[in-house]
N, C-alpha and C. Protein backbone atom coordinates (compact mmCIF):
# COMPACT_ATOMS: atom_id res chain seq x y z
N MET A 1 107.72 88.29 127.68
CA MET A 1 106.86 89.23 126.98
C MET A 1 107.24 89.32 125.51
N PHE A 2 108.53 89.49 125.27
CA PHE A 2 109.01 89.67 123.89
C PHE A 2 108.75 88.43 123.05
N VAL A 3 108.98 87.26 123.64
CA VAL A 3 108.75 86.01 122.92
C VAL A 3 107.27 85.85 122.62
N TRP A 4 106.42 86.12 123.62
CA TRP A 4 104.97 86.04 123.38
C TRP A 4 104.57 87.01 122.27
N SER A 5 105.10 88.20 122.29
CA SER A 5 104.78 89.20 121.27
C SER A 5 105.13 88.69 119.88
N ALA A 6 106.26 88.05 119.77
CA ALA A 6 106.68 87.48 118.47
C ALA A 6 105.71 86.38 118.04
N VAL A 7 105.36 85.50 118.97
CA VAL A 7 104.41 84.43 118.66
C VAL A 7 103.07 85.02 118.24
N ALA A 8 102.58 85.99 119.00
CA ALA A 8 101.28 86.60 118.70
C ALA A 8 101.26 87.23 117.31
N HIS A 9 102.38 87.83 116.90
CA HIS A 9 102.44 88.50 115.60
C HIS A 9 102.68 87.54 114.44
N MET A 10 103.41 86.47 114.68
CA MET A 10 103.79 85.59 113.57
C MET A 10 102.96 84.31 113.49
N ALA A 11 102.39 83.85 114.61
CA ALA A 11 101.72 82.56 114.59
C ALA A 11 100.23 82.62 114.91
N THR A 12 99.71 83.81 115.17
CA THR A 12 98.28 83.94 115.44
C THR A 12 97.73 85.08 114.58
N PRO A 13 96.42 85.14 114.44
CA PRO A 13 95.83 86.25 113.67
C PRO A 13 95.68 87.53 114.50
N LEU A 14 96.05 87.51 115.77
CA LEU A 14 95.82 88.65 116.65
C LEU A 14 96.39 89.97 116.12
N ALA A 15 97.56 89.91 115.51
CA ALA A 15 98.23 91.13 115.08
C ALA A 15 97.55 91.82 113.91
N THR A 16 96.70 91.11 113.18
CA THR A 16 96.07 91.72 112.01
C THR A 16 94.56 91.90 112.16
N ILE A 17 94.02 91.48 113.29
CA ILE A 17 92.58 91.66 113.51
C ILE A 17 92.25 93.15 113.52
N GLY A 18 91.22 93.52 112.79
CA GLY A 18 90.78 94.91 112.76
C GLY A 18 91.32 95.72 111.61
N PHE A 19 92.30 95.19 110.89
CA PHE A 19 92.82 95.89 109.73
C PHE A 19 91.95 95.58 108.52
N SER A 20 91.73 96.56 107.67
CA SER A 20 90.89 96.37 106.49
C SER A 20 91.60 96.93 105.26
N GLN A 21 91.26 96.38 104.12
CA GLN A 21 91.80 96.88 102.86
C GLN A 21 90.82 97.88 102.26
N MET A 22 91.34 98.95 101.71
CA MET A 22 90.49 99.94 101.05
C MET A 22 89.87 99.33 99.79
N THR A 23 88.66 99.77 99.48
CA THR A 23 87.97 99.26 98.31
C THR A 23 88.73 99.58 97.03
N ASN A 24 89.24 100.81 96.94
CA ASN A 24 89.98 101.23 95.75
C ASN A 24 91.32 101.82 96.20
N GLU A 25 92.17 100.95 96.71
CA GLU A 25 93.46 101.38 97.24
C GLU A 25 94.32 102.13 96.21
N PRO A 26 94.38 101.69 94.96
CA PRO A 26 95.21 102.43 94.00
C PRO A 26 94.80 103.90 93.86
N ALA A 27 93.51 104.18 93.84
CA ALA A 27 93.06 105.58 93.72
C ALA A 27 93.41 106.36 94.98
N ALA A 28 93.24 105.74 96.15
CA ALA A 28 93.58 106.42 97.40
C ALA A 28 95.08 106.69 97.47
N MET A 29 95.89 105.71 97.07
CA MET A 29 97.34 105.88 97.08
C MET A 29 97.77 106.98 96.10
N GLN A 30 97.10 107.03 94.97
CA GLN A 30 97.40 108.06 93.96
C GLN A 30 97.15 109.46 94.52
N ALA A 31 96.13 109.58 95.39
CA ALA A 31 95.80 110.88 95.96
C ALA A 31 96.79 111.30 97.06
N MET A 32 97.51 110.34 97.61
CA MET A 32 98.46 110.63 98.69
C MET A 32 99.80 111.08 98.12
N THR A 33 99.83 112.30 97.69
CA THR A 33 101.05 112.87 97.11
C THR A 33 101.55 113.99 98.01
N SER A 34 102.77 114.42 97.77
CA SER A 34 103.32 115.52 98.56
C SER A 34 102.52 116.80 98.37
N GLU A 35 101.86 116.94 97.21
CA GLU A 35 101.03 118.12 96.99
C GLU A 35 99.78 118.09 97.86
N ASN A 36 99.24 116.90 98.11
CA ASN A 36 97.99 116.77 98.87
C ASN A 36 98.22 116.62 100.37
N ILE A 37 99.31 115.96 100.76
CA ILE A 37 99.53 115.68 102.18
C ILE A 37 100.76 116.42 102.71
N GLY A 38 101.80 116.46 101.95
CA GLY A 38 103.03 117.08 102.40
C GLY A 38 104.18 116.09 102.33
N THR A 39 105.31 116.50 102.80
CA THR A 39 106.50 115.65 102.73
C THR A 39 106.93 115.15 104.11
N ARG A 40 106.14 115.46 105.13
CA ARG A 40 106.47 115.06 106.49
C ARG A 40 105.78 113.77 106.89
N THR A 41 106.53 112.87 107.50
CA THR A 41 105.92 111.71 108.14
C THR A 41 105.09 112.24 109.30
N GLY A 42 103.88 111.69 109.46
CA GLY A 42 103.08 112.18 110.57
C GLY A 42 101.75 111.48 110.71
N LEU A 43 101.04 111.87 111.74
CA LEU A 43 99.70 111.39 112.00
C LEU A 43 98.76 112.54 111.67
N TYR A 44 97.91 112.32 110.70
CA TYR A 44 97.03 113.36 110.20
C TYR A 44 95.58 113.05 110.56
N ILE A 45 94.87 114.04 111.07
CA ILE A 45 93.46 113.90 111.39
C ILE A 45 92.69 114.69 110.34
N PHE A 46 91.62 114.09 109.83
CA PHE A 46 90.80 114.79 108.85
C PHE A 46 89.33 114.58 109.15
N PRO A 47 88.51 115.58 108.87
CA PRO A 47 88.88 116.90 108.37
C PRO A 47 89.56 117.71 109.47
N TRP A 48 90.50 118.53 109.07
CA TRP A 48 91.28 119.31 110.02
C TRP A 48 90.51 120.56 110.43
N THR A 49 90.52 120.82 111.73
CA THR A 49 90.04 122.09 112.27
C THR A 49 91.08 122.56 113.26
N ASP A 50 91.33 123.83 113.29
CA ASP A 50 92.37 124.40 114.14
C ASP A 50 91.98 124.24 115.61
N PRO A 51 92.80 123.54 116.41
CA PRO A 51 92.48 123.35 117.82
C PRO A 51 92.41 124.64 118.62
N ASN A 52 93.02 125.71 118.11
CA ASN A 52 93.00 127.00 118.80
C ASN A 52 91.76 127.82 118.44
N ASP A 53 91.00 127.37 117.48
CA ASP A 53 89.78 128.07 117.07
C ASP A 53 88.69 127.82 118.11
N PRO A 54 88.12 128.88 118.68
CA PRO A 54 87.07 128.68 119.69
C PRO A 54 85.85 127.92 119.15
N LYS A 55 85.67 127.91 117.84
CA LYS A 55 84.53 127.21 117.24
C LYS A 55 84.96 125.88 116.59
N MET A 56 86.08 125.35 117.08
CA MET A 56 86.64 124.13 116.50
C MET A 56 85.61 122.99 116.46
N MET A 57 84.98 122.69 117.59
CA MET A 57 84.05 121.56 117.64
C MET A 57 82.84 121.79 116.74
N GLU A 58 82.37 123.00 116.70
CA GLU A 58 81.24 123.33 115.83
C GLU A 58 81.61 123.14 114.36
N LYS A 59 82.80 123.60 113.99
CA LYS A 59 83.26 123.45 112.60
C LYS A 59 83.49 121.98 112.26
N TYR A 60 84.11 121.23 113.19
CA TYR A 60 84.37 119.82 112.94
C TYR A 60 83.06 119.06 112.77
N THR A 61 82.09 119.33 113.62
CA THR A 61 80.80 118.65 113.53
C THR A 61 80.14 118.91 112.19
N ALA A 62 80.21 120.15 111.72
CA ALA A 62 79.63 120.49 110.42
C ALA A 62 80.35 119.76 109.29
N LEU A 63 81.67 119.72 109.34
CA LEU A 63 82.45 119.03 108.32
C LEU A 63 82.19 117.52 108.35
N ALA A 64 82.06 116.96 109.55
CA ALA A 64 81.85 115.51 109.69
C ALA A 64 80.50 115.07 109.12
N LYS A 65 79.57 115.99 108.99
CA LYS A 65 78.26 115.66 108.42
C LYS A 65 78.33 115.48 106.91
N THR A 66 79.35 116.07 106.28
CA THR A 66 79.42 116.04 104.82
C THR A 66 80.72 115.45 104.27
N HIS A 67 81.64 115.10 105.15
CA HIS A 67 82.94 114.56 104.74
C HIS A 67 83.29 113.33 105.58
N PRO A 68 84.14 112.44 105.03
CA PRO A 68 84.62 111.33 105.87
C PRO A 68 85.54 111.88 106.96
N THR A 69 85.66 111.13 108.04
CA THR A 69 86.55 111.51 109.13
C THR A 69 87.53 110.37 109.36
N GLY A 70 88.68 110.70 109.91
CA GLY A 70 89.62 109.64 110.22
C GLY A 70 90.99 110.14 110.60
N MET A 71 91.87 109.18 110.72
CA MET A 71 93.28 109.44 111.02
C MET A 71 94.10 108.69 109.99
N LEU A 72 95.20 109.30 109.61
CA LEU A 72 96.08 108.69 108.63
C LEU A 72 97.50 108.75 109.16
N LEU A 73 98.10 107.60 109.37
CA LEU A 73 99.52 107.52 109.70
C LEU A 73 100.24 107.48 108.37
N TYR A 74 101.00 108.52 108.07
CA TYR A 74 101.53 108.71 106.72
C TYR A 74 103.05 108.76 106.72
N ARG A 75 103.62 108.04 105.77
CA ARG A 75 105.05 108.11 105.49
C ARG A 75 105.20 108.39 104.01
N PRO A 76 105.81 109.49 103.64
CA PRO A 76 106.00 109.78 102.21
C PRO A 76 106.88 108.72 101.54
N VAL A 77 106.82 108.67 100.25
CA VAL A 77 107.64 107.73 99.47
C VAL A 77 109.10 107.89 99.89
N GLY A 78 109.75 106.78 100.13
CA GLY A 78 111.17 106.79 100.49
C GLY A 78 111.44 106.94 101.98
N GLN A 79 110.39 107.18 102.78
CA GLN A 79 110.60 107.33 104.22
C GLN A 79 109.97 106.19 105.01
N ASP A 80 109.65 105.11 104.34
CA ASP A 80 109.05 103.96 105.00
C ASP A 80 110.13 103.15 105.70
N MET A 81 109.69 102.32 106.63
CA MET A 81 110.64 101.43 107.29
C MET A 81 111.21 100.47 106.26
N ASP A 82 112.37 99.96 106.55
CA ASP A 82 112.99 98.96 105.69
C ASP A 82 112.42 97.61 106.07
N ALA A 83 111.44 97.13 105.29
CA ALA A 83 110.77 95.87 105.61
C ALA A 83 111.73 94.70 105.65
N GLY A 84 112.85 94.81 104.98
CA GLY A 84 113.84 93.75 104.98
C GLY A 84 114.72 93.75 106.22
N ASN A 85 114.70 94.85 106.98
CA ASN A 85 115.53 94.97 108.17
C ASN A 85 114.68 95.48 109.33
N MET A 86 114.10 94.57 110.06
CA MET A 86 113.25 94.94 111.19
C MET A 86 114.05 95.05 112.49
N THR A 87 115.36 94.86 112.42
CA THR A 87 116.20 94.86 113.62
C THR A 87 116.04 96.10 114.48
N PRO A 88 116.09 97.32 113.92
CA PRO A 88 115.95 98.51 114.79
C PRO A 88 114.61 98.53 115.54
N MET A 89 113.53 98.14 114.87
CA MET A 89 112.23 98.14 115.53
C MET A 89 112.15 97.05 116.59
N LEU A 90 112.72 95.88 116.30
CA LEU A 90 112.71 94.79 117.26
C LEU A 90 113.51 95.16 118.51
N ILE A 91 114.63 95.85 118.33
CA ILE A 91 115.43 96.29 119.47
C ILE A 91 114.63 97.26 120.33
N LYS A 92 113.97 98.23 119.70
CA LYS A 92 113.15 99.20 120.46
C LYS A 92 112.02 98.50 121.20
N GLU A 93 111.38 97.55 120.54
CA GLU A 93 110.28 96.81 121.17
C GLU A 93 110.80 95.99 122.35
N PHE A 94 111.93 95.33 122.18
CA PHE A 94 112.51 94.56 123.28
C PHE A 94 112.84 95.47 124.46
N LEU A 95 113.46 96.61 124.20
CA LEU A 95 113.83 97.54 125.27
C LEU A 95 112.59 98.05 126.01
N LYS A 96 111.52 98.35 125.27
CA LYS A 96 110.27 98.79 125.88
C LYS A 96 109.72 97.71 126.80
N GLN A 97 109.64 96.50 126.29
CA GLN A 97 109.08 95.41 127.09
C GLN A 97 109.98 95.04 128.26
N PHE A 98 111.28 95.14 128.08
CA PHE A 98 112.21 94.87 129.17
C PHE A 98 112.03 95.90 130.29
N ALA A 99 111.86 97.18 129.91
CA ALA A 99 111.62 98.23 130.91
C ALA A 99 110.31 97.96 131.65
N GLN A 100 109.27 97.55 130.92
CA GLN A 100 108.00 97.23 131.57
C GLN A 100 108.18 96.09 132.57
N ALA A 101 108.90 95.06 132.17
CA ALA A 101 109.12 93.91 133.05
C ALA A 101 109.95 94.30 134.27
N LEU A 102 110.94 95.15 134.10
CA LEU A 102 111.74 95.61 135.24
C LEU A 102 110.89 96.38 136.24
N ILE A 103 110.04 97.26 135.72
CA ILE A 103 109.15 98.04 136.61
C ILE A 103 108.22 97.10 137.37
N ALA A 104 107.62 96.15 136.66
CA ALA A 104 106.72 95.19 137.32
C ALA A 104 107.49 94.36 138.35
N ALA A 105 108.70 93.93 138.01
CA ALA A 105 109.51 93.12 138.94
C ALA A 105 109.86 93.93 140.18
N TRP A 106 110.18 95.18 140.00
CA TRP A 106 110.49 96.05 141.13
C TRP A 106 109.28 96.19 142.05
N ILE A 107 108.10 96.39 141.46
CA ILE A 107 106.89 96.53 142.27
C ILE A 107 106.61 95.26 143.06
N VAL A 108 106.61 94.11 142.39
CA VAL A 108 106.27 92.87 143.10
C VAL A 108 107.38 92.39 144.03
N SER A 109 108.60 92.88 143.84
CA SER A 109 109.67 92.49 144.76
C SER A 109 109.44 93.07 146.15
N MET A 110 108.63 94.09 146.23
CA MET A 110 108.34 94.72 147.52
C MET A 110 107.13 94.11 148.21
N ILE A 111 106.54 93.10 147.59
CA ILE A 111 105.34 92.49 148.13
C ILE A 111 105.69 91.13 148.73
N ALA A 112 105.33 90.94 149.99
CA ALA A 112 105.49 89.62 150.62
C ALA A 112 104.29 88.80 150.17
N ALA A 113 104.48 88.03 149.12
CA ALA A 113 103.34 87.31 148.53
C ALA A 113 103.80 86.01 147.90
N SER A 114 102.82 85.19 147.59
CA SER A 114 103.09 83.89 146.96
C SER A 114 103.38 84.08 145.48
N PHE A 115 103.81 82.99 144.87
CA PHE A 115 104.06 82.96 143.42
C PHE A 115 102.82 83.42 142.66
N ILE A 116 101.67 82.84 143.01
CA ILE A 116 100.41 83.17 142.32
C ILE A 116 100.04 84.63 142.53
N SER A 117 100.17 85.12 143.75
CA SER A 117 99.82 86.52 144.04
C SER A 117 100.69 87.49 143.23
N ARG A 118 101.97 87.20 143.16
CA ARG A 118 102.86 88.07 142.38
C ARG A 118 102.51 88.01 140.90
N THR A 119 102.19 86.82 140.41
CA THR A 119 101.79 86.68 139.01
C THR A 119 100.53 87.47 138.74
N VAL A 120 99.58 87.41 139.66
CA VAL A 120 98.32 88.16 139.51
C VAL A 120 98.58 89.67 139.52
N VAL A 121 99.49 90.13 140.38
CA VAL A 121 99.80 91.56 140.44
C VAL A 121 100.41 92.03 139.11
N VAL A 122 101.36 91.29 138.59
CA VAL A 122 101.98 91.67 137.30
C VAL A 122 100.93 91.64 136.19
N THR A 123 100.06 90.64 136.20
CA THR A 123 99.00 90.56 135.19
C THR A 123 98.05 91.75 135.33
N ALA A 124 97.73 92.14 136.56
CA ALA A 124 96.87 93.30 136.79
C ALA A 124 97.51 94.58 136.26
N ILE A 125 98.81 94.70 136.45
CA ILE A 125 99.53 95.86 135.89
C ILE A 125 99.38 95.84 134.37
N GLY A 126 99.52 94.66 133.77
CA GLY A 126 99.37 94.52 132.32
C GLY A 126 97.97 94.85 131.85
N ILE A 127 96.96 94.44 132.62
CA ILE A 127 95.57 94.76 132.25
C ILE A 127 95.39 96.27 132.26
N SER A 128 95.92 96.92 133.29
CA SER A 128 95.80 98.38 133.38
C SER A 128 96.46 99.08 132.19
N THR A 129 97.66 98.64 131.84
CA THR A 129 98.34 99.27 130.70
C THR A 129 97.64 98.93 129.38
N ALA A 130 97.08 97.73 129.29
CA ALA A 130 96.41 97.32 128.05
C ALA A 130 95.17 98.15 127.78
N ILE A 131 94.42 98.46 128.82
CA ILE A 131 93.19 99.23 128.59
C ILE A 131 93.43 100.73 128.56
N ALA A 132 94.54 101.18 129.17
CA ALA A 132 94.79 102.62 129.27
C ALA A 132 94.80 103.32 127.92
N THR A 133 95.52 102.81 126.98
CA THR A 133 95.61 103.45 125.66
C THR A 133 94.61 102.86 124.69
N ASN A 134 94.51 101.55 124.65
CA ASN A 134 93.67 100.91 123.63
C ASN A 134 92.20 101.30 123.73
N VAL A 135 91.66 101.35 124.92
CA VAL A 135 90.24 101.72 125.06
C VAL A 135 90.04 103.19 124.69
N SER A 136 90.98 104.04 125.04
CA SER A 136 90.87 105.46 124.66
C SER A 136 90.90 105.63 123.15
N TYR A 137 91.76 104.89 122.47
CA TYR A 137 91.81 104.98 121.00
C TYR A 137 90.50 104.50 120.37
N TRP A 138 89.90 103.46 120.94
CA TRP A 138 88.61 102.97 120.45
C TRP A 138 87.54 104.03 120.70
N ASN A 139 87.53 104.57 121.91
CA ASN A 139 86.50 105.52 122.30
C ASN A 139 86.59 106.85 121.54
N TRP A 140 87.77 107.45 121.49
CA TRP A 140 87.93 108.79 120.94
C TRP A 140 88.21 108.82 119.44
N TYR A 141 88.94 107.84 118.94
CA TYR A 141 89.36 107.90 117.54
C TYR A 141 88.67 106.88 116.65
N GLY A 142 87.83 106.05 117.23
CA GLY A 142 87.08 105.09 116.43
C GLY A 142 87.87 103.88 115.97
N PHE A 143 88.92 103.52 116.69
CA PHE A 143 89.64 102.30 116.33
C PHE A 143 88.64 101.15 116.38
N PRO A 144 88.75 100.19 115.48
CA PRO A 144 87.80 99.08 115.46
C PRO A 144 87.80 98.30 116.78
N LEU A 145 86.61 97.89 117.21
CA LEU A 145 86.49 97.16 118.47
C LEU A 145 87.26 95.84 118.43
N ASP A 146 87.20 95.12 117.30
CA ASP A 146 87.93 93.85 117.23
C ASP A 146 89.44 94.06 117.33
N TYR A 147 89.94 95.13 116.72
CA TYR A 147 91.36 95.48 116.83
C TYR A 147 91.71 95.77 118.29
N THR A 148 90.86 96.57 118.93
CA THR A 148 91.09 96.97 120.32
C THR A 148 91.14 95.74 121.23
N ILE A 149 90.19 94.85 121.07
CA ILE A 149 90.16 93.63 121.89
C ILE A 149 91.39 92.76 121.63
N ALA A 150 91.79 92.62 120.38
CA ALA A 150 92.97 91.81 120.05
C ALA A 150 94.23 92.41 120.69
N GLN A 151 94.37 93.72 120.65
CA GLN A 151 95.55 94.36 121.25
C GLN A 151 95.56 94.16 122.76
N ILE A 152 94.38 94.29 123.38
CA ILE A 152 94.28 94.08 124.82
C ILE A 152 94.64 92.64 125.18
N ILE A 153 94.15 91.69 124.41
CA ILE A 153 94.48 90.27 124.66
C ILE A 153 95.98 90.05 124.57
N MET A 154 96.62 90.60 123.54
CA MET A 154 98.07 90.41 123.40
C MET A 154 98.82 90.99 124.60
N GLU A 155 98.39 92.17 125.06
CA GLU A 155 99.06 92.79 126.21
C GLU A 155 98.85 91.99 127.50
N ILE A 156 97.62 91.52 127.70
CA ILE A 156 97.33 90.77 128.93
C ILE A 156 98.09 89.44 128.95
N VAL A 157 98.11 88.73 127.84
CA VAL A 157 98.86 87.47 127.80
C VAL A 157 100.35 87.75 128.02
N GLY A 158 100.86 88.82 127.43
CA GLY A 158 102.26 89.20 127.65
C GLY A 158 102.54 89.48 129.12
N ALA A 159 101.61 90.16 129.78
CA ALA A 159 101.78 90.46 131.21
C ALA A 159 101.72 89.18 132.04
N LEU A 160 100.84 88.27 131.67
CA LEU A 160 100.76 86.99 132.38
C LEU A 160 102.07 86.21 132.25
N VAL A 161 102.59 86.15 131.04
CA VAL A 161 103.87 85.46 130.80
C VAL A 161 104.98 86.13 131.61
N ALA A 162 105.02 87.46 131.59
CA ALA A 162 106.03 88.19 132.37
C ALA A 162 105.83 87.92 133.86
N GLY A 163 104.58 87.90 134.30
CA GLY A 163 104.30 87.63 135.71
C GLY A 163 104.79 86.27 136.15
N LEU A 164 104.57 85.27 135.30
CA LEU A 164 105.06 83.92 135.61
C LEU A 164 106.58 83.90 135.71
N ALA A 165 107.24 84.54 134.75
CA ALA A 165 108.72 84.57 134.75
C ALA A 165 109.26 85.35 135.95
N ILE A 166 108.68 86.50 136.21
CA ILE A 166 109.15 87.34 137.33
C ILE A 166 108.94 86.60 138.65
N SER A 167 107.77 85.99 138.81
CA SER A 167 107.47 85.26 140.05
C SER A 167 108.41 84.08 140.24
N ALA A 168 108.75 83.42 139.14
CA ALA A 168 109.67 82.28 139.22
C ALA A 168 111.05 82.75 139.67
N VAL A 169 111.50 83.88 139.13
CA VAL A 169 112.83 84.40 139.48
C VAL A 169 112.84 84.90 140.92
N LEU A 170 111.80 85.60 141.34
CA LEU A 170 111.77 86.16 142.68
C LEU A 170 111.48 85.12 143.75
N GLY A 171 110.73 84.08 143.37
CA GLY A 171 110.37 83.08 144.36
C GLY A 171 109.46 83.66 145.42
N ARG A 172 109.29 82.94 146.49
CA ARG A 172 108.44 83.41 147.60
C ARG A 172 109.37 84.05 148.63
N ARG A 173 109.29 85.35 148.71
CA ARG A 173 110.14 86.08 149.67
C ARG A 173 109.26 87.02 150.48
N THR A 174 109.75 87.41 151.58
CA THR A 174 109.06 88.43 152.37
C THR A 174 109.66 89.77 152.02
N ALA A 175 108.86 90.79 152.16
CA ALA A 175 109.33 92.14 151.79
C ALA A 175 110.30 92.67 152.80
């Protein structure tokens, strides 16, 4: 999984599908100051309406008719990742994918099935996880469809690769 993820990000366009450049990025960046956004790293939804307000949806709908809507993942100046040192992020990603593979291996180890059947089960688990979050983000938050499809493809191929490896290690056993 981890190796496929690296290949997908470095040797294919899958990792950047759906990303767009702002028309006037310098002006937008200039507006992103601590006075306008704050000093906290965070995920910001705009226009903001208080979720505890009983008229939240009504207010949001009115604002959305006259203002842009969106989400902004924001890191203030000086709080960005160290682009020169991706090691901490790579370690976290490896640990996440390793945990996923262990869970899938545990599930298929209890199945008396062939190599192909076990591979299909792990791939099905991957399909389920791929659509669980990605489709919801497309549906509710307006993530681009091409981005969503690319992310799902990367997850499914990763699950297939993991399924092949897990099935090879487990072999054909009875439960």
